[in-house]
């Protein structure tokens, strides 16, 4: 690929990125989204977050599902969920989940050595 072709590709990608990211500001006020679609879009961030976090909780490094008590991520996630239901505080939930996860990993590391 010649140098000028690389620069053309970079330029086209810059224009495409700017056009897609600025389209909401440029024509957003002219497009009306139906209330039902707006209601459905309210759940999009939660769904995206679940899609990111779910596999991290359940899939081990080898790619298999791990529903056992030896999975510290799953246990810490369940503990954090229970803590959130009890306290309804997101910052404390994050801290609690990280503390539980760290303790489980430390206990696993020290428990795994003979």
PDB file of N, CA and C in Angstrom:
ATOM      1  N   UNK A   1       0.858  -1.176   0.000  1.00  0.00           N
ATOM      2  CA  UNK A   1       0.000   0.000   0.000  1.00  0.00           C
ATOM      3  C   UNK A   1       0.903   1.238   0.000  1.00  0.00           C
ATOM      4  N   UNK A   2       0.618   2.116  -0.887  1.00  0.00           N
ATOM      5  CA  UNK A   2       1.428   3.322  -1.028  1.00  0.00           C
ATOM      6  C   UNK A   2       1.133   4.300   0.106  1.00  0.00           C
ATOM      7  N   UNK A   3       2.064   5.232   0.311  1.00  0.00           N
ATOM      8  CA  UNK A   3       1.882   6.213   1.393  1.00  0.00           C
ATOM      9  C   UNK A   3       0.636   7.058   1.183  1.00  0.00           C
ATOM     10  N   UNK A   4       0.381   7.466  -0.028  1.00  0.00           N
ATOM     11  CA  UNK A   4      -0.795   8.316  -0.265  1.00  0.00           C
ATOM     12  C   UNK A   4      -2.094   7.564   0.010  1.00  0.00           C
ATOM     13  N   UNK A   5      -2.072   6.239  -0.233  1.00  0.00           N
ATOM     14  CA  UNK A   5      -3.269   5.446   0.049  1.00  0.00           C
ATOM     15  C   UNK A   5      -3.528   5.362   1.567  1.00  0.00           C
ATOM     16  N   UNK A   6      -2.462   5.240   2.312  1.00  0.00           N
ATOM     17  CA  UNK A   6      -2.615   5.210   3.771  1.00  0.00           C
ATOM     18  C   UNK A   6      -3.202   6.530   4.255  1.00  0.00           C
ATOM     19  N   UNK A   7      -2.700   7.645   3.722  1.00  0.00           N
ATOM     20  CA  UNK A   7      -3.220   8.956   4.134  1.00  0.00           C
ATOM     21  C   UNK A   7      -4.670   9.140   3.707  1.00  0.00           C
ATOM     22  N   UNK A   8      -5.040   8.622   2.561  1.00  0.00           N
ATOM     23  CA  UNK A   8      -6.442   8.693   2.120  1.00  0.00           C
ATOM     24  C   UNK A   8      -7.328   7.887   3.063  1.00  0.00           C
ATOM     25  N   UNK A   9      -6.862   6.689   3.450  1.00  0.00           N
ATOM     26  CA  UNK A   9      -7.649   5.867   4.381  1.00  0.00           C
ATOM     27  C   UNK A   9      -7.791   6.569   5.719  1.00  0.00           C
ATOM     28  N   UNK A  10      -6.703   7.163   6.216  1.00  0.00           N
ATOM     29  CA  UNK A  10      -6.774   7.894   7.484  1.00  0.00           C
ATOM     30  C   UNK A  10      -7.740   9.069   7.377  1.00  0.00           C
ATOM     31  N   UNK A  11      -7.684   9.796   6.268  1.00  0.00           N
ATOM     32  CA  UNK A  11      -8.594  10.926   6.072  1.00  0.00           C
ATOM     33  C   UNK A  11     -10.047  10.495   5.995  1.00  0.00           C
ATOM     34  N   UNK A  12     -10.318   9.415   5.275  1.00  0.00           N
ATOM     35  CA  UNK A  12     -11.694   8.919   5.161  1.00  0.00           C
ATOM     36  C   UNK A  12     -12.194   8.451   6.518  1.00  0.00           C
ATOM     37  N   UNK A  13     -11.341   7.765   7.287  1.00  0.00           N
ATOM     38  CA  UNK A  13     -11.749   7.320   8.613  1.00  0.00           C
ATOM     39  C   UNK A  13     -12.002   8.500   9.545  1.00  0.00           C
ATOM     40  N   UNK A  14     -11.209   9.559   9.427  1.00  0.00           N
ATOM     41  CA  UNK A  14     -11.440  10.761  10.241  1.00  0.00           C
ATOM     42  C   UNK A  14     -12.784  11.387   9.901  1.00  0.00           C
ATOM     43  N   UNK A  15     -13.087  11.500   8.621  1.00  0.00           N
ATOM     44  CA  UNK A  15     -14.365  12.085   8.211  1.00  0.00           C
ATOM     45  C   UNK A  15     -15.527  11.207   8.661  1.00  0.00           C
ATOM     46  N   UNK A  16     -15.379   9.891   8.509  1.00  0.00           N
ATOM     47  CA  UNK A  16     -16.456   8.981   8.923  1.00  0.00           C
ATOM     48  C   UNK A  16     -16.674   9.047  10.424  1.00  0.00           C
ATOM     49  N   UNK A  17     -15.591   9.110  11.194  1.00  0.00           N
ATOM     50  CA  UNK A  17     -15.728   9.192  12.648  1.00  0.00           C
ATOM     51  C   UNK A  17     -16.381  10.500  13.057  1.00  0.00           C
ATOM     52  N   UNK A  18     -15.929  11.599  12.475  1.00  0.00           N
ATOM     53  CA  UNK A  18     -16.512  12.901  12.820  1.00  0.00           C
ATOM     54  C   UNK A  18     -17.980  12.969  12.412  1.00  0.00           C
ATOM     55  N   UNK A  19     -18.328  12.404  11.252  1.00  0.00           N
ATOM     56  CA  UNK A  19     -19.721  12.455  10.790  1.00  0.00           C
ATOM     57  C   UNK A  19     -20.631  11.637  11.692  1.00  0.00           C
ATOM     58  N   UNK A  20     -20.185  10.453  12.100  1.00  0.00           N
ATOM     59  CA  UNK A  20     -21.060   9.626  12.943  1.00  0.00           C
ATOM     60  C   UNK A  20     -21.181  10.191  14.345  1.00  0.00           C
ATOM     61  N   UNK A  21     -20.115  10.765  14.873  1.00  0.00           N
ATOM     62  CA  UNK A  21     -20.182  11.294  16.240  1.00  0.00           C
ATOM     63  C   UNK A  21     -20.871  12.647  16.321  1.00  0.00           C
ATOM     64  N   UNK A  22     -20.835  13.417  15.263  1.00  0.00           N
ATOM     65  CA  UNK A  22     -21.468  14.734  15.318  1.00  0.00           C
ATOM     66  C   UNK A  22     -22.884  14.728  14.749  1.00  0.00           C
ATOM     67  N   UNK A  23     -23.328  13.614  14.199  1.00  0.00           N
ATOM     68  CA  UNK A  23     -24.653  13.589  13.580  1.00  0.00           C
ATOM     69  C   UNK A  23     -25.762  13.867  14.586  1.00  0.00           C
ATOM     70  N   UNK A  24     -25.572  13.431  15.826  1.00  0.00           N
ATOM     71  CA  UNK A  24     -26.614  13.678  16.823  1.00  0.00           C
ATOM     72  C   UNK A  24     -26.733  15.166  17.143  1.00  0.00           C
ATOM     73  N   UNK A  25     -25.604  15.879  17.106  1.00  0.00           N
ATOM     74  CA  UNK A  25     -25.675  17.314  17.364  1.00  0.00           C
ATOM     75  C   UNK A  25     -26.178  18.085  16.147  1.00  0.00           C
ATOM     76  N   UNK A  26     -25.833  17.598  14.963  1.00  0.00           N
ATOM     77  CA  UNK A  26     -26.218  18.321  13.758  1.00  0.00           C
ATOM     78  C   UNK A  26     -27.690  18.129  13.394  1.00  0.00           C
ATOM     79  N   UNK A  27     -28.196  16.913  13.490  1.00  0.00           N
ATOM     80  CA  UNK A  27     -29.579  16.660  13.085  1.00  0.00           C
ATOM     81  C   UNK A  27     -30.428  16.108  14.214  1.00  0.00           C
ATOM     82  N   UNK A  28     -29.876  16.065  15.407  1.00  0.00           N
ATOM     83  CA  UNK A  28     -30.586  15.456  16.524  1.00  0.00           C
ATOM     84  C   UNK A  28     -31.884  16.154  16.868  1.00  0.00           C
ATOM     85  N   UNK A  29     -31.930  17.476  16.761  1.00  0.00           N
ATOM     86  CA  UNK A  29     -33.145  18.197  17.113  1.00  0.00           C
ATOM     87  C   UNK A  29     -34.236  18.056  16.053  1.00  0.00           C
ATOM     88  N   UNK A  30     -33.873  17.585  14.863  1.00  0.00           N
ATOM     89  CA  UNK A  30     -34.861  17.419  13.789  1.00  0.00           C
ATOM     90  C   UNK A  30     -35.487  16.024  13.793  1.00  0.00           C
ATOM     91  N   UNK A  31     -34.877  15.116  14.482  1.00  0.00           N
ATOM     92  CA  UNK A  31     -35.374  13.743  14.537  1.00  0.00           C
ATOM     93  C   UNK A  31     -36.063  13.531  15.877  1.00  0.00           C
ATOM     94  N   UNK A  32     -37.293  13.061  15.798  1.00  0.00           N
ATOM     95  CA  UNK A  32     -38.002  12.770  17.044  1.00  0.00           C
ATOM     96  C   UNK A  32     -38.047  11.264  17.249  1.00  0.00           C
ATOM     97  N   UNK A  33     -37.677  10.878  18.436  1.00  0.00           N
ATOM     98  CA  UNK A  33     -37.679   9.455  18.782  1.00  0.00           C
ATOM     99  C   UNK A  33     -38.990   9.166  19.501  1.00  0.00           C
ATOM    100  N   UNK A  34     -39.711   8.139  19.083  1.00  0.00           N
ATOM    101  CA  UNK A  34     -40.980   7.809  19.745  1.00  0.00           C
ATOM    102  C   UNK A  34     -40.760   7.507  21.227  1.00  0.00           C
ATOM    103  N   UNK A  35     -41.742   7.830  22.054  1.00  0.00           N
ATOM    104  CA  UNK A  35     -41.586   7.602  23.499  1.00  0.00           C
ATOM    105  C   UNK A  35     -41.291   6.151  23.865  1.00  0.00           C
ATOM    106  N   UNK A  36     -41.857   5.214  23.104  1.00  0.00           N
ATOM    107  CA  UNK A  36     -41.599   3.795  23.401  1.00  0.00           C
ATOM    108  C   UNK A  36     -40.131   3.456  23.176  1.00  0.00           C
ATOM    109  N   UNK A  37     -39.535   4.006  22.107  1.00  0.00           N
ATOM    110  CA  UNK A  37     -38.116   3.753  21.832  1.00  0.00           C
ATOM    111  C   UNK A  37     -37.258   4.430  22.901  1.00  0.00           C
ATOM    112  N   UNK A  38     -37.653   5.642  23.314  1.00  0.00           N
ATOM    113  CA  UNK A  38     -36.913   6.315  24.385  1.00  0.00           C
ATOM    114  C   UNK A  38     -36.957   5.496  25.665  1.00  0.00           C
ATOM    115  N   UNK A  39     -38.118   4.905  25.942  1.00  0.00           N
ATOM    116  CA  UNK A  39     -38.243   4.078  27.139  1.00  0.00           C
ATOM    117  C   UNK A  39     -37.325   2.856  27.046  1.00  0.00           C
ATOM    118  N   UNK A  40     -37.231   2.250  25.864  1.00  0.00           N
ATOM    119  CA  UNK A  40     -36.360   1.089  25.692  1.00  0.00           C
ATOM    120  C   UNK A  40     -34.891   1.487  25.784  1.00  0.00           C
ATOM    121  N   UNK A  41     -34.540   2.674  25.293  1.00  0.00           N
ATOM    122  CA  UNK A  41     -33.141   3.105  25.320  1.00  0.00           C
ATOM    123  C   UNK A  41     -32.661   3.402  26.735  1.00  0.00           C
ATOM    124  N   UNK A  42     -33.573   3.591  27.678  1.00  0.00           N
ATOM    125  CA  UNK A  42     -33.172   3.823  29.061  1.00  0.00           C
ATOM    126  C   UNK A  42     -32.440   2.624  29.629  1.00  0.00           C
ATOM    127  N   UNK A  43     -32.731   1.427  29.113  1.00  0.00           N
ATOM    128  CA  UNK A  43     -32.118   0.204  29.628  1.00  0.00           C
ATOM    129  C   UNK A  43     -30.859  -0.190  28.868  1.00  0.00           C
ATOM    130  N   UNK A  44     -30.504   0.544  27.839  1.00  0.00           N
ATOM    131  CA  UNK A  44     -29.330   0.185  27.035  1.00  0.00           C
ATOM    132  C   UNK A  44     -28.031   0.207  27.841  1.00  0.00           C
ATOM    133  N   UNK A  45     -27.761   1.222  28.676  1.00  0.00           N
ATOM    134  CA  UNK A  45     -26.501   1.181  29.440  1.00  0.00           C
ATOM    135  C   UNK A  45     -26.430  -0.010  30.384  1.00  0.00           C
ATOM    136  N   UNK A  46     -27.536  -0.337  31.048  1.00  0.00           N
ATOM    137  CA  UNK A  46     -27.527  -1.480  31.969  1.00  0.00           C
ATOM    138  C   UNK A  46     -27.291  -2.778  31.204  1.00  0.00           C
ATOM    139  N   UNK A  47     -27.899  -2.901  30.037  1.00  0.00           N
ATOM    140  CA  UNK A  47     -27.706  -4.106  29.219  1.00  0.00           C
ATOM    141  C   UNK A  47     -26.266  -4.213  28.734  1.00  0.00           C
ATOM    142  N   UNK A  48     -25.695  -3.086  28.318  1.00  0.00           N
ATOM    143  CA  UNK A  48     -24.301  -3.101  27.863  1.00  0.00           C
ATOM    144  C   UNK A  48     -23.368  -3.461  29.010  1.00  0.00           C
ATOM    145  N   UNK A  49     -23.641  -2.922  30.195  1.00  0.00           N
ATOM    146  CA  UNK A  49     -22.812  -3.237  31.344  1.00  0.00           C
ATOM    147  C   UNK A  49     -22.915  -4.720  31.708  1.00  0.00           C
ATOM    148  N   UNK A  50     -24.123  -5.256  31.674  1.00  0.00           N
ATOM    149  CA  UNK A  50     -24.302  -6.685  31.968  1.00  0.00           C
ATOM    150  C   UNK A  50     -23.594  -7.546  30.925  1.00  0.00           C
ATOM    151  N   UNK A  51     -23.627  -7.129  29.679  1.00  0.00           N
ATOM    152  CA  UNK A  51     -22.957  -7.895  28.632  1.00  0.00           C
ATOM    153  C   UNK A  51     -21.444  -7.875  28.792  1.00  0.00           C
ATOM    154  N   UNK A  52     -20.928  -6.828  29.391  1.00  0.00           N
ATOM    155  CA  UNK A  52     -19.482  -6.750  29.613  1.00  0.00           C
ATOM    156  C   UNK A  52     -19.092  -7.526  30.865  1.00  0.00           C
ATOM    157  N   UNK A  53     -19.866  -7.364  31.933  1.00  0.00           N
ATOM    158  CA  UNK A  53     -19.511  -7.947  33.223  1.00  0.00           C
ATOM    159  C   UNK A  53     -19.837  -9.438  33.286  1.00  0.00           C
ATOM    160  N   UNK A  54     -20.955  -9.853  32.713  1.00  0.00           N
ATOM    161  CA  UNK A  54     -21.399 -11.238  32.799  1.00  0.00           C
ATOM    162  C   UNK A  54     -20.350 -12.252  32.380  1.00  0.00           C
ATOM    163  N   UNK A  55     -19.793 -12.126  31.198  1.00  0.00           N
ATOM    164  CA  UNK A  55     -18.769 -13.103  30.806  1.00  0.00           C
ATOM    165  C   UNK A  55     -17.539 -13.066  31.699  1.00  0.00           C
ATOM    166  N   UNK A  56     -17.200 -11.898  32.234  1.00  0.00           N
ATOM    167  CA  UNK A  56     -16.040 -11.820  33.101  1.00  0.00           C
ATOM    168  C   UNK A  56     -16.268 -12.571  34.409  1.00  0.00           C
ATOM    169  N   UNK A  57     -17.503 -12.588  34.890  1.00  0.00           N
ATOM    170  CA  UNK A  57     -17.824 -13.331  36.112  1.00  0.00           C
ATOM    171  C   UNK A  57     -17.804 -14.837  35.881  1.00  0.00           C
ATOM    172  N   UNK A  58     -18.267 -15.273  34.728  1.00  0.00           N
ATOM    173  CA  UNK A  58     -18.574 -16.683  34.547  1.00  0.00           C
ATOM    174  C   UNK A  58     -17.572 -17.476  33.725  1.00  0.00           C
ATOM    175  N   UNK A  59     -16.733 -16.823  32.974  1.00  0.00           N
ATOM    176  CA  UNK A  59     -15.831 -17.544  32.075  1.00  0.00           C
ATOM    177  C   UNK A  59     -14.416 -17.529  32.645  1.00  0.00           C
ATOM    178  N   UNK A  60     -13.816 -18.714  32.731  1.00  0.00           N
ATOM    179  CA  UNK A  60     -12.452 -18.807  33.253  1.00  0.00           C
ATOM    180  C   UNK A  60     -11.454 -18.470  32.150  1.00  0.00           C
ATOM    181  N   UNK A  61     -10.178 -18.355  32.499  1.00  0.00           N
ATOM    182  CA  UNK A  61      -9.176 -17.989  31.481  1.00  0.00           C
ATOM    183  C   UNK A  61      -9.070 -18.974  30.327  1.00  0.00           C
ATOM    184  N   UNK A  62      -9.487 -20.234  30.551  1.00  0.00           N
ATOM    185  CA  UNK A  62      -9.413 -21.211  29.458  1.00  0.00           C
ATOM    186  C   UNK A  62     -10.634 -21.139  28.542  1.00  0.00           C
ATOM    187  N   UNK A  63     -11.621 -20.341  28.877  1.00  0.00           N
ATOM    188  CA  UNK A  63     -12.791 -20.159  28.037  1.00  0.00           C
ATOM    189  C   UNK A  63     -13.996 -20.977  28.441  1.00  0.00           C
ATOM    190  N   UNK A  64     -13.903 -21.736  29.504  1.00  0.00           N
ATOM    191  CA  UNK A  64     -15.030 -22.544  29.969  1.00  0.00           C
ATOM    192  C   UNK A  64     -15.840 -21.822  31.034  1.00  0.00           C
ATOM    193  N   UNK A  65     -17.077 -22.282  31.204  1.00  0.00           N
ATOM    194  CA  UNK A  65     -17.922 -21.710  32.253  1.00  0.00           C
ATOM    195  C   UNK A  65     -17.473 -22.221  33.615  1.00  0.00           C
ATOM    196  N   UNK A  66     -17.493 -21.347  34.592  1.00  0.00           N
ATOM    197  CA  UNK A  66     -17.052 -21.722  35.926  1.00  0.00           C
ATOM    198  C   UNK A  66     -18.112 -21.276  36.937  1.00  0.00           C
ATOM    199  N   UNK A  67     -18.997 -22.211  37.317  1.00  0.00           N
ATOM    200  CA  UNK A  67     -20.053 -21.942  38.289  1.00  0.00           C
ATOM    201  C   UNK A  67     -19.709 -22.507  39.662  1.00  0.00           C
ATOM    202  N   UNK A  68     -18.446 -22.668  39.963  1.00  0.00           N
ATOM    203  CA  UNK A  68     -18.049 -23.299  41.215  1.00  0.00           C
ATOM    204  C   UNK A  68     -17.722 -22.253  42.274  1.00  0.00           C
ATOM    205  N   UNK A  69     -17.542 -22.740  43.506  1.00  0.00           N
ATOM    206  CA  UNK A  69     -17.149 -21.844  44.600  1.00  0.00           C
ATOM    207  C   UNK A  69     -15.682 -21.434  44.481  1.00  0.00           C
ATOM    208  N   UNK A  70     -14.951 -22.013  43.574  1.00  0.00           N
ATOM    209  CA  UNK A  70     -13.558 -21.634  43.355  1.00  0.00           C
ATOM    210  C   UNK A  70     -13.426 -20.415  42.452  1.00  0.00           C
ATOM    211  N   UNK A  71     -14.543 -19.835  42.024  1.00  0.00           N
ATOM    212  CA  UNK A  71     -14.528 -18.657  41.163  1.00  0.00           C
ATOM    213  C   UNK A  71     -14.677 -17.412  42.037  1.00  0.00           C
ATOM    214  N   UNK A  72     -13.585 -16.731  42.345  1.00  0.00           N
ATOM    215  CA  UNK A  72     -13.679 -15.567  43.231  1.00  0.00           C
ATOM    216  C   UNK A  72     -14.451 -14.401  42.614  1.00  0.00           C
ATOM    217  N   UNK A  73     -14.440 -14.284  41.301  1.00  0.00           N
ATOM    218  CA  UNK A  73     -15.179 -13.184  40.663  1.00  0.00           C
ATOM    219  C   UNK A  73     -16.682 -13.365  40.849  1.00  0.00           C
ATOM    220  N   UNK A  74     -17.153 -14.582  40.666  1.00  0.00           N
ATOM    221  CA  UNK A  74     -18.575 -14.855  40.821  1.00  0.00           C
ATOM    222  C   UNK A  74     -19.011 -14.643  42.270  1.00  0.00           C
ATOM    223  N   UNK A  75     -18.223 -15.148  43.212  1.00  0.00           N
ATOM    224  CA  UNK A  75     -18.569 -14.987  44.628  1.00  0.00           C
ATOM    225  C   UNK A  75     -18.543 -13.514  45.033  1.00  0.00           C
ATOM    226  N   UNK A  76     -17.544 -12.788  44.591  1.00  0.00           N
ATOM    227  CA  UNK A  76     -17.475 -11.362  44.919  1.00  0.00           C
ATOM    228  C   UNK A  76     -18.626 -10.593  44.271  1.00  0.00           C
ATOM    229  N   UNK A  77     -18.995 -10.967  43.062  1.00  0.00           N
ATOM    230  CA  UNK A  77     -20.127 -10.322  42.409  1.00  0.00           C
ATOM    231  C   UNK A  77     -21.430 -10.581  43.127  1.00  0.00           C
ATOM    232  N   UNK A  78     -21.629 -11.820  43.555  1.00  0.00           N
ATOM    233  CA  UNK A  78     -22.853 -12.141  44.312  1.00  0.00           C
ATOM    234  C   UNK A  78     -22.868 -11.422  45.656  1.00  0.00           C
ATOM    235  N   UNK A  79     -21.717 -11.360  46.309  1.00  0.00           N
ATOM    236  CA  UNK A  79     -21.642 -10.643  47.586  1.00  0.00           C
ATOM    237  C   UNK A  79     -21.903  -9.155  47.382  1.00  0.00           C
ATOM    238  N   UNK A  80     -21.359  -8.592  46.312  1.00  0.00           N
ATOM    239  CA  UNK A  80     -21.581  -7.172  46.033  1.00  0.00           C
ATOM    240  C   UNK A  80     -23.047  -6.909  45.699  1.00  0.00           C
ATOM    241  N   UNK A  81     -23.672  -7.816  44.956  1.00  0.00           N
ATOM    242  CA  UNK A  81     -25.092  -7.658  44.650  1.00  0.00           C
ATOM    243  C   UNK A  81     -25.935  -7.688  45.927  1.00  0.00           C
ATOM    244  N   UNK A  82     -25.636  -8.631  46.817  1.00  0.00           N
ATOM    245  CA  UNK A  82     -26.368  -8.706  48.085  1.00  0.00           C
ATOM    246  C   UNK A  82     -26.139  -7.447  48.918  1.00  0.00           C
ATOM    247  N   UNK A  83     -24.906  -6.947  48.902  1.00  0.00           N
ATOM    248  CA  UNK A  83     -24.610  -5.722  49.645  1.00  0.00           C
ATOM    249  C   UNK A  83     -25.379  -4.544  49.069  1.00  0.00           C
ATOM    250  N   UNK A  84     -25.457  -4.477  47.740  1.00  0.00           N
ATOM    251  CA  UNK A  84     -26.202  -3.373  47.117  1.00  0.00           C
ATOM    252  C   UNK A  84     -27.690  -3.443  47.459  1.00  0.00           C
ATOM    253  N   UNK A  85     -28.245  -4.631  47.442  1.00  0.00           N
ATOM    254  CA  UNK A  85     -29.658  -4.771  47.795  1.00  0.00           C
ATOM    255  C   UNK A  85     -29.892  -4.324  49.242  1.00  0.00           C
ATOM    256  N   UNK A  86     -28.930  -4.606  50.092  1.00  0.00           N
ATOM    257  CA  UNK A  86     -29.067  -4.252  51.505  1.00  0.00           C
ATOM    258  C   UNK A  86     -28.862  -2.761  51.742  1.00  0.00           C
ATOM    259  N   UNK A  87     -27.788  -2.160  51.144  1.00  0.00           N
ATOM    260  CA  UNK A  87     -27.420  -0.782  51.472  1.00  0.00           C
ATOM    261  C   UNK A  87     -27.863   0.252  50.442  1.00  0.00           C
ATOM    262  N   UNK A  88     -28.029  -0.126  49.184  1.00  0.00           N
ATOM    263  CA  UNK A  88     -28.417   0.792  48.092  1.00  0.00           C
ATOM    264  C   UNK A  88     -27.433   1.942  47.935  1.00  0.00           C
ATOM    265  N   UNK A  89     -26.153   1.638  48.054  1.00  0.00           N
ATOM    266  CA  UNK A  89     -25.119   2.649  47.899  1.00  0.00           C
ATOM    267  C   UNK A  89     -24.078   2.118  46.922  1.00  0.00           C
ATOM    268  N   UNK A  90     -23.949   2.762  45.769  1.00  0.00           N
ATOM    269  CA  UNK A  90     -23.090   2.249  44.700  1.00  0.00           C
ATOM    270  C   UNK A  90     -21.619   2.298  45.079  1.00  0.00           C
ATOM    271  N   UNK A  91     -21.170   3.382  45.690  1.00  0.00           N
ATOM    272  CA  UNK A  91     -19.750   3.491  46.040  1.00  0.00           C
ATOM    273  C   UNK A  91     -19.357   2.436  47.073  1.00  0.00           C
ATOM    274  N   UNK A  92     -20.181   2.277  48.104  1.00  0.00           N
ATOM    275  CA  UNK A  92     -19.888   1.252  49.103  1.00  0.00           C
ATOM    276  C   UNK A  92     -19.955  -0.150  48.504  1.00  0.00           C
ATOM    277  N   UNK A  93     -20.851  -0.342  47.545  1.00  0.00           N
ATOM    278  CA  UNK A  93     -20.942  -1.647  46.880  1.00  0.00           C
ATOM    279  C   UNK A  93     -19.668  -1.962  46.114  1.00  0.00           C
ATOM    280  N   UNK A  94     -19.148  -0.985  45.418  1.00  0.00           N
ATOM    281  CA  UNK A  94     -17.897  -1.197  44.674  1.00  0.00           C
ATOM    282  C   UNK A  94     -16.760  -1.524  45.638  1.00  0.00           C
ATOM    283  N   UNK A  95     -16.667  -0.751  46.711  1.00  0.00           N
ATOM    284  CA  UNK A  95     -15.616  -1.009  47.696  1.00  0.00           C
ATOM    285  C   UNK A  95     -15.786  -2.385  48.337  1.00  0.00           C
ATOM    286  N   UNK A  96     -17.009  -2.720  48.705  1.00  0.00           N
ATOM    287  CA  UNK A  96     -17.272  -4.019  49.320  1.00  0.00           C
ATOM    288  C   UNK A  96     -16.923  -5.160  48.361  1.00  0.00           C
ATOM    289  N   UNK A  97     -17.327  -5.043  47.112  1.00  0.00           N
ATOM    290  CA  UNK A  97     -17.029  -6.075  46.126  1.00  0.00           C
ATOM    291  C   UNK A  97     -15.527  -6.238  45.910  1.00  0.00           C
ATOM    292  N   UNK A  98     -14.805  -5.127  45.867  1.00  0.00           N
ATOM    293  CA  UNK A  98     -13.355  -5.202  45.689  1.00  0.00           C
ATOM    294  C   UNK A  98     -12.681  -5.828  46.901  1.00  0.00           C
ATOM    295  N   UNK A  99     -13.167  -5.484  48.093  1.00  0.00           N
ATOM    296  CA  UNK A  99     -12.590  -6.080  49.303  1.00  0.00           C
ATOM    297  C   UNK A  99     -12.852  -7.586  49.332  1.00  0.00           C
ATOM    298  N   UNK A 100     -14.066  -7.992  49.035  1.00  0.00           N
ATOM    299  CA  UNK A 100     -14.386  -9.430  49.021  1.00  0.00           C
ATOM    300  C   UNK A 100     -13.553 -10.156  47.968  1.00  0.00           C
ATOM    301  N   UNK A 101     -13.461  -9.568  46.784  1.00  0.00           N
ATOM    302  CA  UNK A 101     -12.675 -10.187  45.716  1.00  0.00           C
ATOM    303  C   UNK A 101     -11.211 -10.321  46.113  1.00  0.00           C
ATOM    304  N   UNK A 102     -10.661  -9.265  46.717  1.00  0.00           N
ATOM    305  CA  UNK A 102      -9.261  -9.310  47.139  1.00  0.00           C
ATOM    306  C   UNK A 102      -9.050 -10.365  48.220  1.00  0.00           C
ATOM    307  N   UNK A 103      -9.955 -10.400  49.200  1.00  0.00           N
ATOM    308  CA  UNK A 103      -9.835 -11.410  50.257  1.00  0.00           C
ATOM    309  C   UNK A 103      -9.931 -12.828  49.700  1.00  0.00           C
ATOM    310  N   UNK A 104     -10.858 -13.044  48.784  1.00  0.00           N
ATOM    311  CA  UNK A 104     -10.987 -14.382  48.191  1.00  0.00           C
ATOM    312  C   UNK A 104      -9.739 -14.778  47.415  1.00  0.00           C
ATOM    313  N   UNK A 105      -9.179 -13.833  46.701  1.00  0.00           N
ATOM    314  CA  UNK A 105      -7.954 -14.142  45.947  1.00  0.00           C
ATOM    315  C   UNK A 105      -6.790 -14.402  46.880  1.00  0.00           C
ATOM    316  N   UNK A 106      -6.667 -13.594  47.937  1.00  0.00           N
ATOM    317  CA  UNK A 106      -5.579 -13.808  48.891  1.00  0.00           C
ATOM    318  C   UNK A 106      -5.755 -15.158  49.581  1.00  0.00           C
ATOM    319  N   UNK A 107      -6.978 -15.466  50.003  1.00  0.00           N
ATOM    320  CA  UNK A 107      -7.218 -16.758  50.644  1.00  0.00           C
ATOM    321  C   UNK A 107      -6.956 -17.905  49.680  1.00  0.00           C
ATOM    322  N   UNK A 108      -7.330 -17.722  48.414  1.00  0.00           N
ATOM    323  CA  UNK A 108      -7.092 -18.767  47.412  1.00  0.00           C
ATOM    324  C   UNK A 108      -5.598 -18.959  47.180  1.00  0.00           C
ATOM    325  N   UNK A 109      -4.856 -17.867  47.129  1.00  0.00           N
ATOM    326  CA  UNK A 109      -3.413 -17.958  46.891  1.00  0.00           C
ATOM    327  C   UNK A 109      -2.737 -18.653  48.062  1.00  0.00           C
ATOM    328  N   UNK A 110      -3.105 -18.249  49.280  1.00  0.00           N
ATOM    329  CA  UNK A 110      -2.469 -18.886  50.432  1.00  0.00           C
ATOM    330  C   UNK A 110      -2.996 -20.298  50.652  1.00  0.00           C
ATOM    331  N   UNK A 111      -4.248 -20.552  50.266  1.00  0.00           N
ATOM    332  CA  UNK A 111      -4.797 -21.894  50.434  1.00  0.00           C
ATOM    333  C   UNK A 111      -4.286 -22.863  49.399  1.00  0.00           C
ATOM    334  N   UNK A 112      -3.861 -22.381  48.222  1.00  0.00           N
ATOM    335  CA  UNK A 112      -3.407 -23.255  47.151  1.00  0.00           C
ATOM    336  C   UNK A 112      -1.983 -23.749  47.363  1.00  0.00           C
ATOM    337  N   UNK A 113      -1.190 -23.044  48.188  1.00  0.00           N
ATOM    338  CA  UNK A 113       0.198 -23.493  48.379  1.00  0.00           C
ATOM    339  C   UNK A 113       0.243 -24.648  49.378  1.00  0.00           C
ATOM    340  N   UNK A 114       1.049 -25.672  49.091  1.00  0.00           N
ATOM    341  CA  UNK A 114       1.099 -26.834  50.003  1.00  0.00           C
ATOM    342  C   UNK A 114       1.903 -26.523  51.250  1.00  0.00           C
TER     343      UNK A 114
END
